[in-house]
Structures are given as C-alpha cells and as structure tokens.
Amino acid sequence: MEFWQAETFNISEIDKELGWAQSIGMNCMRIYLHHAAWQQDKSGFKNRMCNVLSVAKKHGMKILFVFFDDCWNDKYAIGRQPLPRPGVHNSGWLKDPGNIVQKGGPLLDTLQAYVSDILRTFKDDKRILMWDLYNEPGQFDQHDNSRPLMKEAFGWARKINPSQPLTSGVYDDNEKAIAKFQVENSDIITYHSYDKPDVHQRRIDSLNKVSGGRPLICTEYMARKRGSTFAAILPMLKKQNIGAINWGLVDGKTQTKYAWDEKDWGNKEPAIWFHDIFRKDGVPYDSKETDLIKSLTKNKK
C-alpha cells in the first residue's frame, strides 16, 4: 500500500534499488498493485505506475504487474501502514481484495473498474512484460473460494484485450481446479516453486506436458533454508530456457530475510537469510550468489 500512495511513494529509492538489480543482470521485476490505493487516487496511482515504468526502462527492465493476491493479512486500510513486527516475515503484507469479496456487493464492481481502468490505460505499453492477474488464488485456506474472482479477472482482462500476455502462476498441485483454470487461460505458463531441484523439476515436467508449447516462467523461487538457492535452481532454469524471478531483492520492511514460520529472531540477523539479495546499503548478502547471477546473465559489471 505504501509503495503506491502519494505520501509514501519513493521513486528515488526505487531507482536506486533497480540500479542494484541491473548491476547483476536482472531484466524484469514483478511488482504488486493494490485496488485500494487506486480507488483513493486513480490518476495519481496511474501516474506513479508510469514513473516506475520509466525508471525500469532506464535500467533495462520490464515490469510484470500483479493485480490480486490471497497471501497474508486479510484486513487493510489506506494511509501510512503499521511498522513491521520485529522478526516476522511479511508482517505487513496485504491481501487484495481479501476474503470480503466473497460476500459480494459493490466491491466486485469496484474491482472490475480497477482492472479495466489499469489495463485500458497500459494495454499497449511495451515497458510491461505481462499481467499476473491473481497471485496464488486459494492460499491461506481459501481454496476454491477464490476461483470465481480469478475467472472474473480473466474475463475482465480479455474484454480489454491488452497486447501483453495474461497469466496466473500455478503454485499448489493440490489446488487442482484452480491450477487447471490457470493453465487453460494463461498466455504464458507461470509457476512458483520454493523446492529443491528434483521437486522443482517435477513441476516443470508436469507443466511442459500441458503447456502446448507456451513458454514457462518461474515467477517465484529462492528460499535458502528449503534448498531453493540460486546455485541449485538458476543454472537448471537457464539450461531449459525458463525465465526466473526470485522472491526478494533488498532487505526491507517486508522482512523476508526471515522464514515464513520464524517468530523468535526479533531484530536480530537470522543465521541464514530466507529471501533477498542485497542489504539496505546495496552490499550483497552473499557475493558468491551475485557473482553467479552475473555469470549467468552475462553481465560483468
């Protein structure tokens, strides 16, 4: 929420951090939107999106915007957000639109207007790689309750017919109905895997069987404590020509250097970072990792 609101939007910080990403050869960034920030200030919200896209282009990057999300906190409000709880992964991360959408009412009309307005405004913008319409629908015990909104989102998007591809990432083999819809309706197959190489490869193999020749992009991976590391996963994906977008860039307010289930670190440094690449000052958490990334992206800066 703070990323997109006028009083807390910080384009100079975005510029600086995208510069760090560029220095190791990254060429794409996945960024979440939120309908409440759009609803508060529609024109300002879109102007700020333009500013982000301009800075990204300066750094040789395209953006993958995400609309809806079923992860973490269900309640949200506009304005300055609470400070993070010490040591807690994603303590301030907000769902969009949250479980309230299942009660029906005018929110669904607002969400349709939101998706339609954003897509209509940016439908031919070449700085956008694609649109991720719904991140992990069904997460946090929502299961198939999220499928109706996912279907609506794809329907709204198809009416606008943007030039950029539409997608929603497969993330859980147990959510069979959701995964089936995602595969059948995505222009590019995207997926998440925070698993070790053998398990990750099984997801790739299963998706290749139903992809119909569509490209694959892994839009979330890299959780060091689970064996999903740059060294283990990135060469494997490059060999198969699969795009790779890891979770986490800079140690910040999301506190994703702590693992999902860690609660006892407080303000202390975790023994092993879960996500993220750079410290707050731009120094790599592990220079061997950034050297590897640069070697694979052919960027020697």
C-alpha atoms as a PDB file:
ATOM      1  CA  MET A   1       0.000   0.000   0.000  1.00  0.00           C
ATOM      2  CA  GLU A   2       2.747   2.462   0.931  1.00  0.00           C
ATOM      3  CA  PHE A   3       4.595   1.704  -2.308  1.00  0.00           C
ATOM      4  CA  TRP A   4       1.746   3.299  -4.321  1.00  0.00           C
ATOM      5  CA  GLN A   5       0.348   6.109  -2.158  1.00  0.00           C
ATOM      6  CA  ALA A   6       1.427   9.674  -2.848  1.00  0.00           C
ATOM      7  CA  GLU A   7       2.675  10.413   0.668  1.00  0.00           C
ATOM      8  CA  THR A   8       4.918   7.336   0.801  1.00  0.00           C
ATOM      9  CA  PHE A   9       5.795   6.698  -2.862  1.00  0.00           C
ATOM     10  CA  ASN A  10       9.579   6.940  -3.196  1.00  0.00           C
ATOM     11  CA  ILE A  11      10.775   6.907  -6.790  1.00  0.00           C
ATOM     12  CA  SER A  12      14.376   7.717  -5.831  1.00  0.00           C
ATOM     13  CA  GLU A  13      14.519   4.592  -3.654  1.00  0.00           C
ATOM     14  CA  ILE A  14      13.000   2.538  -6.471  1.00  0.00           C
ATOM     15  CA  ASP A  15      15.546   3.974  -8.896  1.00  0.00           C
ATOM     16  CA  LYS A  16      18.427   3.106  -6.563  1.00  0.00           C
ATOM     17  CA  GLU A  17      17.281  -0.457  -5.907  1.00  0.00           C
ATOM     18  CA  LEU A  18      16.540  -1.181  -9.570  1.00  0.00           C
ATOM     19  CA  GLY A  19      20.076   0.018 -10.260  1.00  0.00           C
ATOM     20  CA  TRP A  20      21.378  -2.659  -7.909  1.00  0.00           C
ATOM     21  CA  ALA A  21      19.250  -5.241  -9.725  1.00  0.00           C
ATOM     22  CA  GLN A  22      20.551  -4.053 -13.089  1.00  0.00           C
ATOM     23  CA  SER A  23      24.131  -4.392 -11.846  1.00  0.00           C
ATOM     24  CA  ILE A  24      23.713  -8.176 -11.570  1.00  0.00           C
ATOM     25  CA  GLY A  25      21.931  -8.541 -14.904  1.00  0.00           C
ATOM     26  CA  MET A  26      18.264  -8.611 -13.901  1.00  0.00           C
ATOM     27  CA  ASN A  27      15.923  -7.519 -16.673  1.00  0.00           C
ATOM     28  CA  CYS A  28      12.462  -7.933 -15.122  1.00  0.00           C
ATOM     29  CA  MET A  29      10.782  -7.017 -11.850  1.00  0.00           C
ATOM     30  CA  ARG A  30       7.470  -8.359 -10.508  1.00  0.00           C
ATOM     31  CA  ILE A  31       5.549  -5.643  -8.650  1.00  0.00           C
ATOM     32  CA  TYR A  32       2.233  -5.875  -6.786  1.00  0.00           C
ATOM     33  CA  LEU A  33      -0.564  -3.349  -7.153  1.00  0.00           C
ATOM     34  CA  HIS A  34      -3.488  -2.767  -4.761  1.00  0.00           C
ATOM     35  CA  HIS A  35      -7.005  -1.711  -5.687  1.00  0.00           C
ATOM     36  CA  ALA A  36      -7.468   0.390  -2.520  1.00  0.00           C
ATOM     37  CA  ALA A  37      -4.579   2.680  -3.470  1.00  0.00           C
ATOM     38  CA  TRP A  38      -6.077   3.041  -6.978  1.00  0.00           C
ATOM     39  CA  GLN A  39      -9.509   3.756  -5.511  1.00  0.00           C
ATOM     40  CA  GLN A  40      -8.087   6.506  -3.297  1.00  0.00           C
ATOM     41  CA  ASP A  41      -6.351   8.369  -6.153  1.00  0.00           C
ATOM     42  CA  LYS A  42      -6.922   6.880  -9.601  1.00  0.00           C
ATOM     43  CA  SER A  43      -4.984   9.368 -11.727  1.00  0.00           C
ATOM     44  CA  GLY A  44      -2.135   9.664  -9.221  1.00  0.00           C
ATOM     45  CA  PHE A  45      -1.888   5.882  -8.972  1.00  0.00           C
ATOM     46  CA  LYS A  46      -1.542   5.541 -12.742  1.00  0.00           C
ATOM     47  CA  ASN A  47       0.975   8.378 -12.866  1.00  0.00           C
ATOM     48  CA  ARG A  48       3.070   6.600 -10.267  1.00  0.00           C
ATOM     49  CA  MET A  49       2.871   3.409 -12.334  1.00  0.00           C
ATOM     50  CA  CYS A  50       4.207   5.447 -15.282  1.00  0.00           C
ATOM     51  CA  ASN A  51       7.063   6.733 -13.136  1.00  0.00           C
ATOM     52  CA  VAL A  52       8.004   3.191 -12.110  1.00  0.00           C
ATOM     53  CA  LEU A  53       7.880   2.038 -15.724  1.00  0.00           C
ATOM     54  CA  SER A  54      10.105   4.919 -16.829  1.00  0.00           C
ATOM     55  CA  VAL A  55      12.711   4.155 -14.177  1.00  0.00           C
ATOM     56  CA  ALA A  56      12.572   0.464 -15.019  1.00  0.00           C
ATOM     57  CA  LYS A  57      13.148   1.210 -18.697  1.00  0.00           C
ATOM     58  CA  LYS A  58      16.163   3.336 -17.753  1.00  0.00           C
ATOM     59  CA  HIS A  59      17.605   0.258 -16.061  1.00  0.00           C
ATOM     60  CA  GLY A  60      16.847  -2.033 -18.990  1.00  0.00           C
ATOM     61  CA  MET A  61      13.931  -3.760 -17.260  1.00  0.00           C
ATOM     62  CA  LYS A  62      10.346  -4.676 -17.993  1.00  0.00           C
ATOM     63  CA  ILE A  63       7.689  -4.928 -15.303  1.00  0.00           C
ATOM     64  CA  LEU A  64       5.288  -7.754 -14.503  1.00  0.00           C
ATOM     65  CA  PHE A  65       2.401  -6.222 -12.554  1.00  0.00           C
ATOM     66  CA  VAL A  66       0.272  -8.335 -10.182  1.00  0.00           C
ATOM     67  CA  PHE A  67      -3.384  -7.451  -9.521  1.00  0.00           C
ATOM     68  CA  PHE A  68      -4.948  -9.748  -6.903  1.00  0.00           C
ATOM     69  CA  ASP A  69      -3.327 -11.752  -4.099  1.00  0.00           C
ATOM     70  CA  ASP A  70      -4.571 -14.209  -1.450  1.00  0.00           C
ATOM     71  CA  CYS A  71      -1.483 -14.111   0.787  1.00  0.00           C
ATOM     72  CA  TRP A  72      -1.063 -12.878   4.361  1.00  0.00           C
ATOM     73  CA  ASN A  73      -3.180 -10.139   6.002  1.00  0.00           C
ATOM     74  CA  ASP A  74      -6.861 -10.025   5.174  1.00  0.00           C
ATOM     75  CA  LYS A  75      -7.676  -6.566   6.547  1.00  0.00           C
ATOM     76  CA  TYR A  76      -6.252  -3.397   5.054  1.00  0.00           C
ATOM     77  CA  ALA A  77      -6.725   0.346   5.032  1.00  0.00           C
ATOM     78  CA  ILE A  78      -5.245   3.197   3.062  1.00  0.00           C
ATOM     79  CA  GLY A  79      -2.783   5.557   4.719  1.00  0.00           C
ATOM     80  CA  ARG A  80       0.544   5.021   6.402  1.00  0.00           C
ATOM     81  CA  GLN A  81       0.901   1.395   7.385  1.00  0.00           C
ATOM     82  CA  PRO A  82       1.878  -0.076  10.780  1.00  0.00           C
ATOM     83  CA  LEU A  83       5.547  -0.698  11.407  1.00  0.00           C
ATOM     84  CA  PRO A  84       6.677  -4.287  10.819  1.00  0.00           C
ATOM     85  CA  ARG A  85       6.560  -6.677  13.758  1.00  0.00           C
ATOM     86  CA  PRO A  86      10.192  -7.497  14.638  1.00  0.00           C
ATOM     87  CA  GLY A  87      11.469 -10.686  13.083  1.00  0.00           C
ATOM     88  CA  VAL A  88       8.204 -11.600  11.345  1.00  0.00           C
ATOM     89  CA  HIS A  89       8.158 -12.454   7.640  1.00  0.00           C
ATOM     90  CA  ASN A  90       5.709 -10.276   5.677  1.00  0.00           C
ATOM     91  CA  SER A  91       4.017  -8.945   8.823  1.00  0.00           C
ATOM     92  CA  GLY A  92       2.557  -6.055   6.828  1.00  0.00           C
ATOM     93  CA  TRP A  93       1.780  -7.803   3.534  1.00  0.00           C
ATOM     94  CA  LEU A  94      -1.835  -7.239   2.441  1.00  0.00           C
ATOM     95  CA  LYS A  95      -4.236  -9.400   0.501  1.00  0.00           C
ATOM     96  CA  ASP A  96      -6.112  -7.865  -2.374  1.00  0.00           C
ATOM     97  CA  PRO A  97      -9.096  -7.826  -2.208  1.00  0.00           C
ATOM     98  CA  GLY A  98      -9.178 -10.181   0.770  1.00  0.00           C
ATOM     99  CA  ASN A  99     -11.928 -12.521   1.878  1.00  0.00           C
ATOM    100  CA  ILE A 100     -14.527  -9.746   1.928  1.00  0.00           C
ATOM    101  CA  VAL A 101     -15.015 -10.193  -1.819  1.00  0.00           C
ATOM    102  CA  GLN A 102     -16.786 -13.496  -1.183  1.00  0.00           C
ATOM    103  CA  LYS A 103     -19.671 -11.592   0.440  1.00  0.00           C
ATOM    104  CA  GLY A 104     -20.484  -9.996  -2.906  1.00  0.00           C
ATOM    105  CA  GLY A 105     -21.823  -6.468  -3.042  1.00  0.00           C
ATOM    106  CA  PRO A 106     -20.353  -3.372  -4.702  1.00  0.00           C
ATOM    107  CA  LEU A 107     -16.717  -4.398  -4.201  1.00  0.00           C
ATOM    108  CA  LEU A 108     -16.898  -6.653  -7.254  1.00  0.00           C
ATOM    109  CA  ASP A 109     -17.938  -3.679  -9.404  1.00  0.00           C
ATOM    110  CA  THR A 110     -15.034  -1.683  -7.970  1.00  0.00           C
ATOM    111  CA  LEU A 111     -12.594  -4.472  -8.789  1.00  0.00           C
ATOM    112  CA  GLN A 112     -13.872  -4.715 -12.358  1.00  0.00           C
ATOM    113  CA  ALA A 113     -13.493  -0.946 -12.790  1.00  0.00           C
ATOM    114  CA  TYR A 114      -9.989  -1.142 -11.332  1.00  0.00           C
ATOM    115  CA  VAL A 115      -8.731  -3.955 -13.553  1.00  0.00           C
ATOM    116  CA  SER A 116     -10.379  -2.444 -16.621  1.00  0.00           C
ATOM    117  CA  ASP A 117      -9.003   1.049 -15.992  1.00  0.00           C
ATOM    118  CA  ILE A 118      -5.428  -0.137 -15.457  1.00  0.00           C
ATOM    119  CA  LEU A 119      -5.439  -2.471 -18.450  1.00  0.00           C
ATOM    120  CA  ARG A 120      -7.112   0.069 -20.716  1.00  0.00           C
ATOM    121  CA  THR A 121      -4.529   2.698 -19.743  1.00  0.00           C
ATOM    122  CA  PHE A 122      -1.469   0.465 -20.237  1.00  0.00           C
ATOM    123  CA  LYS A 123      -2.722  -2.096 -22.766  1.00  0.00           C
ATOM    124  CA  ASP A 124      -0.115  -1.190 -25.387  1.00  0.00           C
ATOM    125  CA  ASP A 125       2.760  -0.171 -23.102  1.00  0.00           C
ATOM    126  CA  LYS A 126       5.859  -2.036 -24.264  1.00  0.00           C
ATOM    127  CA  ARG A 127       7.546  -1.478 -20.892  1.00  0.00           C
ATOM    128  CA  ILE A 128       5.205  -4.092 -19.375  1.00  0.00           C
ATOM    129  CA  LEU A 129       6.191  -7.724 -19.816  1.00  0.00           C
ATOM    130  CA  MET A 130       2.814  -9.197 -18.844  1.00  0.00           C
ATOM    131  CA  TRP A 131      -0.041  -9.054 -16.333  1.00  0.00           C
ATOM    132  CA  ASP A 132      -0.239 -11.527 -13.428  1.00  0.00           C
ATOM    133  CA  LEU A 133      -3.961 -11.353 -12.697  1.00  0.00           C
ATOM    134  CA  TYR A 134      -4.038 -13.305  -9.429  1.00  0.00           C
ATOM    135  CA  ASN A 135      -1.193 -14.377  -7.152  1.00  0.00           C
ATOM    136  CA  GLU A 136      -1.757 -17.750  -5.503  1.00  0.00           C
ATOM    137  CA  PRO A 137      -5.560 -17.851  -5.573  1.00  0.00           C
ATOM    138  CA  GLY A 138      -6.790 -20.179  -2.839  1.00  0.00           C
ATOM    139  CA  GLN A 139      -3.917 -19.531  -0.429  1.00  0.00           C
ATOM    140  CA  PHE A 140      -4.470 -19.117   3.320  1.00  0.00           C
ATOM    141  CA  ASP A 141      -7.256 -21.698   3.387  1.00  0.00           C
ATOM    142  CA  GLN A 142      -9.383 -20.028   0.728  1.00  0.00           C
ATOM    143  CA  HIS A 143      -9.017 -22.947  -1.680  1.00  0.00           C
ATOM    144  CA  ASP A 144     -11.677 -22.992  -4.379  1.00  0.00           C
ATOM    145  CA  ASN A 145     -13.468 -19.975  -2.883  1.00  0.00           C
ATOM    146  CA  SER A 146     -11.052 -17.821  -4.894  1.00  0.00           C
ATOM    147  CA  ARG A 147     -11.790 -19.399  -8.251  1.00  0.00           C
ATOM    148  CA  PRO A 148     -14.852 -17.202  -9.033  1.00  0.00           C
ATOM    149  CA  LEU A 149     -12.821 -13.973  -8.714  1.00  0.00           C
ATOM    150  CA  MET A 150      -9.989 -15.474 -10.754  1.00  0.00           C
ATOM    151  CA  LYS A 151     -12.461 -16.297 -13.526  1.00  0.00           C
ATOM    152  CA  GLU A 152     -13.907 -12.791 -13.375  1.00  0.00           C
ATOM    153  CA  ALA A 153     -10.438 -11.243 -13.558  1.00  0.00           C
ATOM    154  CA  PHE A 154      -9.561 -13.158 -16.702  1.00  0.00           C
ATOM    155  CA  GLY A 155     -12.925 -12.259 -18.219  1.00  0.00           C
ATOM    156  CA  TRP A 156     -12.482  -8.564 -17.486  1.00  0.00           C
ATOM    157  CA  ALA A 157      -8.962  -8.644 -18.895  1.00  0.00           C
ATOM    158  CA  ARG A 158      -9.988 -10.441 -22.089  1.00  0.00           C
ATOM    159  CA  LYS A 159     -12.592  -7.757 -22.749  1.00  0.00           C
ATOM    160  CA  ILE A 160      -9.859  -5.110 -22.703  1.00  0.00           C
ATOM    161  CA  ASN A 161      -7.569  -7.410 -24.737  1.00  0.00           C
ATOM    162  CA  PRO A 162      -4.170  -5.930 -23.789  1.00  0.00           C
ATOM    163  CA  SER A 163      -1.231  -6.508 -26.116  1.00  0.00           C
ATOM    164  CA  GLN A 164       0.771  -8.004 -23.229  1.00  0.00           C
ATOM    165  CA  PRO A 165       0.214 -11.643 -22.166  1.00  0.00           C
ATOM    166  CA  LEU A 166      -2.058 -12.567 -19.254  1.00  0.00           C
ATOM    167  CA  THR A 167      -1.115 -15.170 -16.650  1.00  0.00           C
ATOM    168  CA  SER A 168      -1.660 -16.531 -13.146  1.00  0.00           C
ATOM    169  CA  GLY A 169       1.002 -18.729 -11.601  1.00  0.00           C
ATOM    170  CA  VAL A 170       0.457 -22.379 -10.695  1.00  0.00           C
ATOM    171  CA  TYR A 171       1.676 -22.893  -7.143  1.00  0.00           C
ATOM    172  CA  ASP A 172      -0.004 -25.882  -5.472  1.00  0.00           C
ATOM    173  CA  ASP A 173      -0.647 -29.293  -7.003  1.00  0.00           C
ATOM    174  CA  ASN A 174      -3.467 -29.827  -4.514  1.00  0.00           C
ATOM    175  CA  GLU A 175      -5.460 -26.875  -5.902  1.00  0.00           C
ATOM    176  CA  LYS A 176      -6.385 -28.889  -8.974  1.00  0.00           C
ATOM    177  CA  ALA A 177      -9.382 -26.871 -10.204  1.00  0.00           C
ATOM    178  CA  ILE A 178      -7.527 -23.580  -9.788  1.00  0.00           C
ATOM    179  CA  ALA A 179      -4.366 -24.906 -11.475  1.00  0.00           C
ATOM    180  CA  LYS A 180      -6.389 -26.321 -14.365  1.00  0.00           C
ATOM    181  CA  PHE A 181      -8.027 -22.941 -14.969  1.00  0.00           C
ATOM    182  CA  GLN A 182      -4.684 -21.133 -14.704  1.00  0.00           C
ATOM    183  CA  VAL A 183      -3.051 -23.393 -17.286  1.00  0.00           C
ATOM    184  CA  GLU A 184      -6.002 -23.274 -19.670  1.00  0.00           C
ATOM    185  CA  ASN A 185      -6.352 -19.489 -19.563  1.00  0.00           C
ATOM    186  CA  SER A 186      -2.786 -18.144 -19.302  1.00  0.00           C
ATOM    187  CA  ASP A 187      -1.000 -16.902 -22.430  1.00  0.00           C
ATOM    188  CA  ILE A 188       2.327 -17.800 -20.818  1.00  0.00           C
ATOM    189  CA  ILE A 189       2.600 -20.563 -18.227  1.00  0.00           C
ATOM    190  CA  THR A 190       3.935 -19.185 -14.954  1.00  0.00           C
ATOM    191  CA  TYR A 191       4.511 -21.094 -11.742  1.00  0.00           C
ATOM    192  CA  HIS A 192       6.028 -20.946  -8.265  1.00  0.00           C
ATOM    193  CA  SER A 193       8.407 -23.411  -6.620  1.00  0.00           C
ATOM    194  CA  TYR A 194      10.349 -22.970  -3.391  1.00  0.00           C
ATOM    195  CA  ASP A 195      11.516 -26.570  -3.511  1.00  0.00           C
ATOM    196  CA  LYS A 196      14.787 -28.399  -4.051  1.00  0.00           C
ATOM    197  CA  PRO A 197      15.865 -29.042  -7.646  1.00  0.00           C
ATOM    198  CA  ASP A 198      14.297 -32.505  -8.021  1.00  0.00           C
ATOM    199  CA  VAL A 199      10.878 -31.365  -6.805  1.00  0.00           C
ATOM    200  CA  HIS A 200      11.125 -28.152  -8.832  1.00  0.00           C
ATOM    201  CA  GLN A 201      11.966 -30.184 -11.929  1.00  0.00           C
ATOM    202  CA  ARG A 202       8.883 -32.341 -11.446  1.00  0.00           C
ATOM    203  CA  ARG A 203       6.710 -29.213 -11.597  1.00  0.00           C
ATOM    204  CA  ILE A 204       8.452 -28.131 -14.801  1.00  0.00           C
ATOM    205  CA  ASP A 205       7.932 -31.571 -16.318  1.00  0.00           C
ATOM    206  CA  SER A 206       4.239 -31.633 -15.402  1.00  0.00           C
ATOM    207  CA  LEU A 207       3.662 -28.169 -16.845  1.00  0.00           C
ATOM    208  CA  ASN A 208       5.555 -28.940 -20.048  1.00  0.00           C
ATOM    209  CA  LYS A 209       3.086 -31.775 -20.656  1.00  0.00           C
ATOM    210  CA  VAL A 210       0.151 -29.321 -20.735  1.00  0.00           C
ATOM    211  CA  SER A 211       1.833 -26.146 -21.973  1.00  0.00           C
ATOM    212  CA  GLY A 212       1.131 -26.729 -25.655  1.00  0.00           C
ATOM    213  CA  GLY A 213       4.455 -25.129 -26.477  1.00  0.00           C
ATOM    214  CA  ARG A 214       3.823 -21.966 -24.449  1.00  0.00           C
ATOM    215  CA  PRO A 215       6.897 -20.548 -22.665  1.00  0.00           C
ATOM    216  CA  LEU A 216       7.441 -21.183 -18.955  1.00  0.00           C
ATOM    217  CA  ILE A 217       8.460 -18.527 -16.451  1.00  0.00           C
ATOM    218  CA  CYS A 218       9.059 -19.272 -12.775  1.00  0.00           C
ATOM    219  CA  THR A 219       7.670 -16.151 -11.103  1.00  0.00           C
ATOM    220  CA  GLU A 220       8.622 -17.171  -7.546  1.00  0.00           C
ATOM    221  CA  TYR A 221      11.537 -19.249  -6.247  1.00  0.00           C
ATOM    222  CA  MET A 222      14.580 -18.986  -3.936  1.00  0.00           C
ATOM    223  CA  ALA A 223      14.189 -19.844  -0.272  1.00  0.00           C
ATOM    224  CA  ARG A 224      17.642 -20.709   1.016  1.00  0.00           C
ATOM    225  CA  LYS A 225      16.553 -22.803   4.003  1.00  0.00           C
ATOM    226  CA  ARG A 226      14.406 -25.024   1.769  1.00  0.00           C
ATOM    227  CA  GLY A 227      17.194 -25.821  -0.679  1.00  0.00           C
ATOM    228  CA  SER A 228      15.831 -23.472  -3.323  1.00  0.00           C
ATOM    229  CA  THR A 229      19.020 -21.471  -3.820  1.00  0.00           C
ATOM    230  CA  PHE A 230      20.432 -19.530  -6.749  1.00  0.00           C
ATOM    231  CA  ALA A 231      23.219 -22.078  -7.130  1.00  0.00           C
ATOM    232  CA  ALA A 232      20.801 -25.018  -7.165  1.00  0.00           C
ATOM    233  CA  ILE A 233      17.968 -23.595  -9.271  1.00  0.00           C
ATOM    234  CA  LEU A 234      19.140 -20.808 -11.571  1.00  0.00           C
ATOM    235  CA  PRO A 235      21.518 -22.860 -13.761  1.00  0.00           C
ATOM    236  CA  MET A 236      18.802 -25.520 -14.083  1.00  0.00           C
ATOM    237  CA  LEU A 237      16.270 -22.959 -15.304  1.00  0.00           C
ATOM    238  CA  LYS A 238      18.703 -21.295 -17.682  1.00  0.00           C
ATOM    239  CA  LYS A 239      19.552 -24.652 -19.259  1.00  0.00           C
ATOM    240  CA  GLN A 240      15.857 -25.174 -20.016  1.00  0.00           C
ATOM    241  CA  ASN A 241      15.271 -21.592 -21.185  1.00  0.00           C
ATOM    242  CA  ILE A 242      12.822 -20.907 -18.356  1.00  0.00           C
ATOM    243  CA  GLY A 243      12.533 -17.359 -17.060  1.00  0.00           C
ATOM    244  CA  ALA A 244      13.415 -16.923 -13.383  1.00  0.00           C
ATOM    245  CA  ILE A 245      12.065 -14.304 -10.970  1.00  0.00           C
ATOM    246  CA  ASN A 246      13.180 -14.887  -7.384  1.00  0.00           C
ATOM    247  CA  TRP A 247      11.338 -13.592  -4.358  1.00  0.00           C
ATOM    248  CA  GLY A 248      13.036 -10.695  -2.628  1.00  0.00           C
ATOM    249  CA  LEU A 249      15.528  -8.047  -3.709  1.00  0.00           C
ATOM    250  CA  VAL A 250      16.514  -5.761  -0.812  1.00  0.00           C
ATOM    251  CA  ASP A 251      16.225  -6.356   2.943  1.00  0.00           C
ATOM    252  CA  GLY A 252      13.361  -4.043   3.851  1.00  0.00           C
ATOM    253  CA  LYS A 253      10.019  -3.615   5.590  1.00  0.00           C
ATOM    254  CA  THR A 254       8.668  -6.904   4.262  1.00  0.00           C
ATOM    255  CA  GLN A 255      11.341  -8.646   6.373  1.00  0.00           C
ATOM    256  CA  THR A 256      11.516 -11.642   4.077  1.00  0.00           C
ATOM    257  CA  LYS A 257      15.058 -12.427   5.196  1.00  0.00           C
ATOM    258  CA  TYR A 258      13.165 -14.261   7.950  1.00  0.00           C
ATOM    259  CA  ALA A 259      11.453 -17.534   7.044  1.00  0.00           C
ATOM    260  CA  TRP A 260       7.672 -17.938   6.869  1.00  0.00           C
ATOM    261  CA  ASP A 261       7.437 -19.724  10.206  1.00  0.00           C
ATOM    262  CA  GLU A 262      10.161 -17.904  12.170  1.00  0.00           C
ATOM    263  CA  LYS A 263       8.986 -15.843  15.139  1.00  0.00           C
ATOM    264  CA  ASP A 264      11.897 -15.645  17.565  1.00  0.00           C
ATOM    265  CA  TRP A 265      14.596 -13.599  15.862  1.00  0.00           C
ATOM    266  CA  GLY A 266      13.290 -10.211  16.952  1.00  0.00           C
ATOM    267  CA  ASN A 267      15.557  -7.570  15.475  1.00  0.00           C
ATOM    268  CA  LYS A 268      18.495  -9.983  15.252  1.00  0.00           C
ATOM    269  CA  GLU A 269      20.057 -11.107  11.998  1.00  0.00           C
ATOM    270  CA  PRO A 270      18.841 -14.608  11.076  1.00  0.00           C
ATOM    271  CA  ALA A 271      21.561 -17.215  10.793  1.00  0.00           C
ATOM    272  CA  ILE A 272      20.653 -17.750   7.130  1.00  0.00           C
ATOM    273  CA  TRP A 273      18.583 -15.285   5.127  1.00  0.00           C
ATOM    274  CA  PHE A 274      15.433 -16.842   3.702  1.00  0.00           C
ATOM    275  CA  HIS A 275      14.940 -14.446   0.745  1.00  0.00           C
ATOM    276  CA  ASP A 276      16.521 -11.182  -0.528  1.00  0.00           C
ATOM    277  CA  ILE A 277      19.796 -10.435  -2.280  1.00  0.00           C
ATOM    278  CA  PHE A 278      21.015  -7.043  -1.063  1.00  0.00           C
ATOM    279  CA  ARG A 279      21.431  -5.421   2.312  1.00  0.00           C
ATOM    280  CA  LYS A 280      19.937  -1.970   2.872  1.00  0.00           C
ATOM    281  CA  ASP A 281      23.160  -0.298   1.698  1.00  0.00           C
ATOM    282  CA  GLY A 282      23.314  -2.292  -1.554  1.00  0.00           C
ATOM    283  CA  VAL A 283      26.018  -4.709  -0.391  1.00  0.00           C
ATOM    284  CA  PRO A 284      25.166  -8.287  -1.440  1.00  0.00           C
ATOM    285  CA  TYR A 285      24.146 -10.700   1.299  1.00  0.00           C
ATOM    286  CA  ASP A 286      26.393 -13.267  -0.397  1.00  0.00           C
ATOM    287  CA  SER A 287      28.801 -12.079  -3.089  1.00  0.00           C
ATOM    288  CA  LYS A 288      29.153 -15.653  -4.387  1.00  0.00           C
ATOM    289  CA  GLU A 289      25.459 -15.563  -5.254  1.00  0.00           C
ATOM    290  CA  THR A 290      25.627 -12.259  -7.081  1.00  0.00           C
ATOM    291  CA  ASP A 291      28.761 -13.405  -8.923  1.00  0.00           C
ATOM    292  CA  LEU A 292      26.842 -16.497 -10.050  1.00  0.00           C
ATOM    293  CA  ILE A 293      23.857 -14.431 -11.196  1.00  0.00           C
ATOM    294  CA  LYS A 294      26.133 -12.104 -13.159  1.00  0.00           C
ATOM    295  CA  SER A 295      27.881 -15.052 -14.796  1.00  0.00           C
ATOM    296  CA  LEU A 296      24.557 -16.499 -15.909  1.00  0.00           C
ATOM    297  CA  THR A 297      23.147 -13.211 -17.163  1.00  0.00           C
ATOM    298  CA  LYS A 298      26.422 -12.408 -18.964  1.00  0.00           C
ATOM    299  CA  ASN A 299      26.557  -9.112 -17.103  1.00  0.00           C
ATOM    300  CA  LYS A 300      30.100  -8.425 -15.891  1.00  0.00           C
ATOM    301  CA  LYS A 301      29.531  -5.017 -14.335  1.00  0.00           C
END
